[in-house]
Amino acid sequence: MANSPQARKRVRQSIKRRQRNASQRSMMRTRVKQVFGAIDAGDKSGAETAFKEAVPVLDHMARKGLIHKNKAARYKSRFSARIHAM
């Protein structure tokens, strides 16, 4: 266990950050699943709406470093291509 005050504080900070990151990651995955679900259901308008909601979330996650910027770009590109193909 951490002994110095600085180490104790770092433990507290890491716990808070881990919980925040897990929550943010869960939200992102939910948005991604909503887009995939609408695409698989063949609901173009629903997919477009879900896509518009997912894009800012993906951008935010990439900006904060929770996911790589190329992963966010890859998701957006694939969603866009699949929606336009409907």
N, C-alpha and C. Protein backbone atom coordinates (compact mmCIF):
# COMPACT_ATOMS: atom_id res chain seq x y z
N MET A 1 0.85 -1.19 0.00
CA MET A 1 0.00 0.00 0.00
C MET A 1 0.88 1.24 0.00
N ALA A 2 0.34 2.32 -0.54
CA ALA A 2 1.09 3.57 -0.63
C ALA A 2 1.33 4.16 0.76
N ASN A 3 2.55 4.62 0.98
CA ASN A 3 2.90 5.15 2.30
C ASN A 3 3.00 6.67 2.33
N SER A 4 3.54 7.27 1.29
CA SER A 4 3.71 8.72 1.32
C SER A 4 2.40 9.41 0.99
N PRO A 5 2.22 10.63 1.45
CA PRO A 5 0.99 11.38 1.13
C PRO A 5 0.78 11.54 -0.38
N GLN A 6 1.89 11.75 -1.09
CA GLN A 6 1.81 11.91 -2.54
C GLN A 6 1.31 10.62 -3.19
N ALA A 7 1.81 9.49 -2.73
CA ALA A 7 1.40 8.20 -3.30
C ALA A 7 -0.06 7.92 -2.99
N ARG A 8 -0.51 8.29 -1.79
CA ARG A 8 -1.93 8.10 -1.45
C ARG A 8 -2.81 8.93 -2.36
N LYS A 9 -2.39 10.16 -2.59
CA LYS A 9 -3.17 11.04 -3.46
C LYS A 9 -3.22 10.48 -4.88
N ARG A 10 -2.10 9.96 -5.37
CA ARG A 10 -2.06 9.40 -6.71
C ARG A 10 -3.01 8.19 -6.82
N VAL A 11 -3.10 7.41 -5.76
CA VAL A 11 -4.03 6.27 -5.75
C VAL A 11 -5.46 6.78 -5.85
N ARG A 12 -5.79 7.82 -5.07
CA ARG A 12 -7.15 8.39 -5.13
C ARG A 12 -7.43 8.92 -6.53
N GLN A 13 -6.47 9.61 -7.11
CA GLN A 13 -6.67 10.17 -8.44
C GLN A 13 -6.86 9.08 -9.48
N SER A 14 -6.06 8.03 -9.39
CA SER A 14 -6.16 6.97 -10.39
C SER A 14 -7.49 6.24 -10.29
N ILE A 15 -8.02 6.09 -9.07
CA ILE A 15 -9.33 5.45 -8.90
C ILE A 15 -10.42 6.30 -9.55
N LYS A 16 -10.39 7.61 -9.30
CA LYS A 16 -11.38 8.51 -9.91
C LYS A 16 -11.29 8.49 -11.42
N ARG A 17 -10.07 8.54 -11.93
CA ARG A 17 -9.88 8.57 -13.39
C ARG A 17 -10.33 7.26 -14.02
N ARG A 18 -10.03 6.14 -13.36
CA ARG A 18 -10.43 4.85 -13.90
C ARG A 18 -11.95 4.75 -13.97
N GLN A 19 -12.64 5.22 -12.92
CA GLN A 19 -14.11 5.18 -12.93
C GLN A 19 -14.68 6.09 -14.01
N ARG A 20 -14.11 7.29 -14.16
CA ARG A 20 -14.58 8.21 -15.17
C ARG A 20 -14.35 7.64 -16.57
N ASN A 21 -13.17 7.06 -16.78
CA ASN A 21 -12.86 6.48 -18.08
C ASN A 21 -13.79 5.32 -18.40
N ALA A 22 -14.08 4.49 -17.42
CA ALA A 22 -14.98 3.36 -17.64
C ALA A 22 -16.37 3.84 -18.01
N SER A 23 -16.84 4.88 -17.36
CA SER A 23 -18.16 5.43 -17.67
C SER A 23 -18.19 6.00 -19.08
N GLN A 24 -17.16 6.76 -19.43
CA GLN A 24 -17.09 7.36 -20.76
C GLN A 24 -17.00 6.28 -21.84
N ARG A 25 -16.19 5.27 -21.58
CA ARG A 25 -16.02 4.18 -22.55
C ARG A 25 -17.33 3.43 -22.74
N SER A 26 -18.06 3.22 -21.65
CA SER A 26 -19.36 2.55 -21.72
C SER A 26 -20.34 3.37 -22.56
N MET A 27 -20.36 4.68 -22.34
CA MET A 27 -21.24 5.55 -23.12
C MET A 27 -20.90 5.47 -24.60
N MET A 28 -19.62 5.49 -24.92
CA MET A 28 -19.19 5.41 -26.30
C MET A 28 -19.64 4.09 -26.94
N ARG A 29 -19.44 3.00 -26.21
CA ARG A 29 -19.82 1.69 -26.76
C ARG A 29 -21.33 1.59 -26.96
N THR A 30 -22.10 2.21 -26.08
CA THR A 30 -23.55 2.22 -26.23
C THR A 30 -23.94 2.95 -27.50
N ARG A 31 -23.33 4.10 -27.75
CA ARG A 31 -23.62 4.87 -28.97
C ARG A 31 -23.26 4.07 -30.21
N VAL A 32 -22.12 3.39 -30.17
CA VAL A 32 -21.67 2.60 -31.32
C VAL A 32 -22.66 1.46 -31.56
N LYS A 33 -23.12 0.81 -30.50
CA LYS A 33 -24.07 -0.29 -30.65
C LYS A 33 -25.40 0.20 -31.19
N GLN A 34 -25.80 1.42 -30.81
CA GLN A 34 -27.05 1.97 -31.33
C GLN A 34 -26.97 2.17 -32.83
N VAL A 35 -25.82 2.64 -33.32
CA VAL A 35 -25.65 2.84 -34.76
C VAL A 35 -25.67 1.49 -35.46
N PHE A 36 -24.90 0.52 -34.95
CA PHE A 36 -24.88 -0.80 -35.56
C PHE A 36 -26.27 -1.45 -35.55
N GLY A 37 -26.99 -1.27 -34.46
CA GLY A 37 -28.32 -1.86 -34.36
C GLY A 37 -29.27 -1.28 -35.38
N ALA A 38 -29.22 0.03 -35.57
CA ALA A 38 -30.09 0.68 -36.56
C ALA A 38 -29.71 0.25 -37.97
N ILE A 39 -28.42 0.10 -38.23
CA ILE A 39 -27.97 -0.33 -39.56
C ILE A 39 -28.43 -1.75 -39.83
N ASP A 40 -28.24 -2.63 -38.84
CA ASP A 40 -28.63 -4.03 -39.00
C ASP A 40 -30.14 -4.18 -39.16
N ALA A 41 -30.90 -3.28 -38.53
CA ALA A 41 -32.36 -3.33 -38.63
C ALA A 41 -32.85 -2.75 -39.95
N GLY A 42 -31.97 -2.07 -40.67
CA GLY A 42 -32.37 -1.50 -41.95
C GLY A 42 -33.09 -0.17 -41.81
N ASP A 43 -32.96 0.46 -40.68
CA ASP A 43 -33.62 1.73 -40.40
C ASP A 43 -32.66 2.88 -40.74
N LYS A 44 -32.78 3.41 -41.96
CA LYS A 44 -31.83 4.42 -42.41
C LYS A 44 -31.94 5.72 -41.61
N SER A 45 -33.14 6.19 -41.38
CA SER A 45 -33.29 7.45 -40.64
C SER A 45 -32.82 7.28 -39.19
N GLY A 46 -33.11 6.14 -38.61
CA GLY A 46 -32.65 5.86 -37.25
C GLY A 46 -31.13 5.75 -37.19
N ALA A 47 -30.55 5.15 -38.23
CA ALA A 47 -29.10 5.02 -38.29
C ALA A 47 -28.44 6.39 -38.43
N GLU A 48 -29.03 7.25 -39.25
CA GLU A 48 -28.48 8.59 -39.43
C GLU A 48 -28.55 9.39 -38.12
N THR A 49 -29.66 9.26 -37.42
CA THR A 49 -29.82 9.95 -36.14
C THR A 49 -28.80 9.43 -35.12
N ALA A 50 -28.68 8.11 -35.04
CA ALA A 50 -27.73 7.52 -34.10
C ALA A 50 -26.29 7.90 -34.47
N PHE A 51 -26.02 7.98 -35.77
CA PHE A 51 -24.69 8.36 -36.25
C PHE A 51 -24.36 9.78 -35.82
N LYS A 52 -25.34 10.68 -35.97
CA LYS A 52 -25.12 12.08 -35.59
C LYS A 52 -24.89 12.23 -34.09
N GLU A 53 -25.49 11.34 -33.30
CA GLU A 53 -25.27 11.37 -31.85
C GLU A 53 -23.92 10.73 -31.48
N ALA A 54 -23.48 9.76 -32.27
CA ALA A 54 -22.25 9.04 -31.95
C ALA A 54 -20.99 9.82 -32.33
N VAL A 55 -21.06 10.62 -33.39
CA VAL A 55 -19.86 11.31 -33.88
C VAL A 55 -19.23 12.22 -32.83
N PRO A 56 -19.99 13.11 -32.17
CA PRO A 56 -19.34 13.95 -31.16
C PRO A 56 -18.77 13.16 -29.98
N VAL A 57 -19.43 12.06 -29.64
CA VAL A 57 -18.92 11.23 -28.55
C VAL A 57 -17.59 10.60 -28.94
N LEU A 58 -17.51 10.07 -30.17
CA LEU A 58 -16.26 9.47 -30.64
C LEU A 58 -15.16 10.52 -30.71
N ASP A 59 -15.48 11.70 -31.21
CA ASP A 59 -14.49 12.77 -31.29
C ASP A 59 -13.98 13.16 -29.90
N HIS A 60 -14.89 13.23 -28.95
CA HIS A 60 -14.51 13.60 -27.59
C HIS A 60 -13.60 12.54 -26.98
N MET A 61 -13.94 11.27 -27.19
CA MET A 61 -13.12 10.19 -26.64
C MET A 61 -11.71 10.22 -27.25
N ALA A 62 -11.63 10.50 -28.55
CA ALA A 62 -10.32 10.57 -29.21
C ALA A 62 -9.53 11.78 -28.70
N ARG A 63 -10.21 12.89 -28.51
CA ARG A 63 -9.54 14.10 -28.04
C ARG A 63 -9.00 13.92 -26.62
N LYS A 64 -9.74 13.19 -25.79
CA LYS A 64 -9.32 12.96 -24.41
C LYS A 64 -8.33 11.81 -24.27
N GLY A 65 -8.13 11.04 -25.34
CA GLY A 65 -7.15 9.97 -25.30
C GLY A 65 -7.69 8.63 -24.84
N LEU A 66 -9.00 8.49 -24.72
CA LEU A 66 -9.56 7.19 -24.34
C LEU A 66 -9.47 6.19 -25.48
N ILE A 67 -9.59 6.68 -26.69
CA ILE A 67 -9.37 5.84 -27.87
C ILE A 67 -8.43 6.60 -28.80
N HIS A 68 -7.81 5.90 -29.70
CA HIS A 68 -6.91 6.53 -30.66
C HIS A 68 -7.73 7.30 -31.68
N LYS A 69 -7.17 8.39 -32.19
CA LYS A 69 -7.91 9.21 -33.14
C LYS A 69 -8.23 8.44 -34.42
N ASN A 70 -7.36 7.52 -34.80
CA ASN A 70 -7.63 6.73 -36.01
C ASN A 70 -8.79 5.75 -35.79
N LYS A 71 -8.95 5.28 -34.57
CA LYS A 71 -10.07 4.38 -34.27
C LYS A 71 -11.39 5.14 -34.41
N ALA A 72 -11.42 6.37 -33.90
CA ALA A 72 -12.63 7.19 -34.05
C ALA A 72 -12.91 7.45 -35.52
N ALA A 73 -11.87 7.76 -36.29
CA ALA A 73 -12.02 8.02 -37.72
C ALA A 73 -12.50 6.76 -38.44
N ARG A 74 -11.98 5.61 -38.04
CA ARG A 74 -12.37 4.35 -38.66
C ARG A 74 -13.84 4.05 -38.41
N TYR A 75 -14.28 4.23 -37.16
CA TYR A 75 -15.69 4.03 -36.83
C TYR A 75 -16.58 4.95 -37.68
N LYS A 76 -16.23 6.23 -37.73
CA LYS A 76 -17.05 7.20 -38.46
C LYS A 76 -17.10 6.87 -39.94
N SER A 77 -15.96 6.48 -40.49
CA SER A 77 -15.90 6.15 -41.91
C SER A 77 -16.75 4.92 -42.24
N ARG A 78 -16.65 3.91 -41.41
CA ARG A 78 -17.41 2.68 -41.68
C ARG A 78 -18.91 2.89 -41.49
N PHE A 79 -19.26 3.66 -40.45
CA PHE A 79 -20.67 3.97 -40.26
C PHE A 79 -21.22 4.72 -41.46
N SER A 80 -20.49 5.73 -41.87
CA SER A 80 -20.94 6.57 -42.99
C SER A 80 -21.11 5.73 -44.25
N ALA A 81 -20.14 4.87 -44.54
CA ALA A 81 -20.22 4.03 -45.73
C ALA A 81 -21.41 3.07 -45.68
N ARG A 82 -21.64 2.48 -44.51
CA ARG A 82 -22.74 1.53 -44.40
C ARG A 82 -24.11 2.25 -44.47
N ILE A 83 -24.18 3.45 -43.93
CA ILE A 83 -25.44 4.20 -44.00
C ILE A 83 -25.73 4.63 -45.43
N HIS A 84 -24.71 5.10 -46.12
CA HIS A 84 -24.91 5.53 -47.50
C HIS A 84 -25.23 4.35 -48.42
N ALA A 85 -24.78 3.14 -48.07
CA ALA A 85 -25.05 1.96 -48.88
C ALA A 85 -26.48 1.44 -48.69
N MET A 86 -27.18 1.93 -47.67
CA MET A 86 -28.53 1.43 -47.39
C MET A 86 -29.49 1.89 -48.48
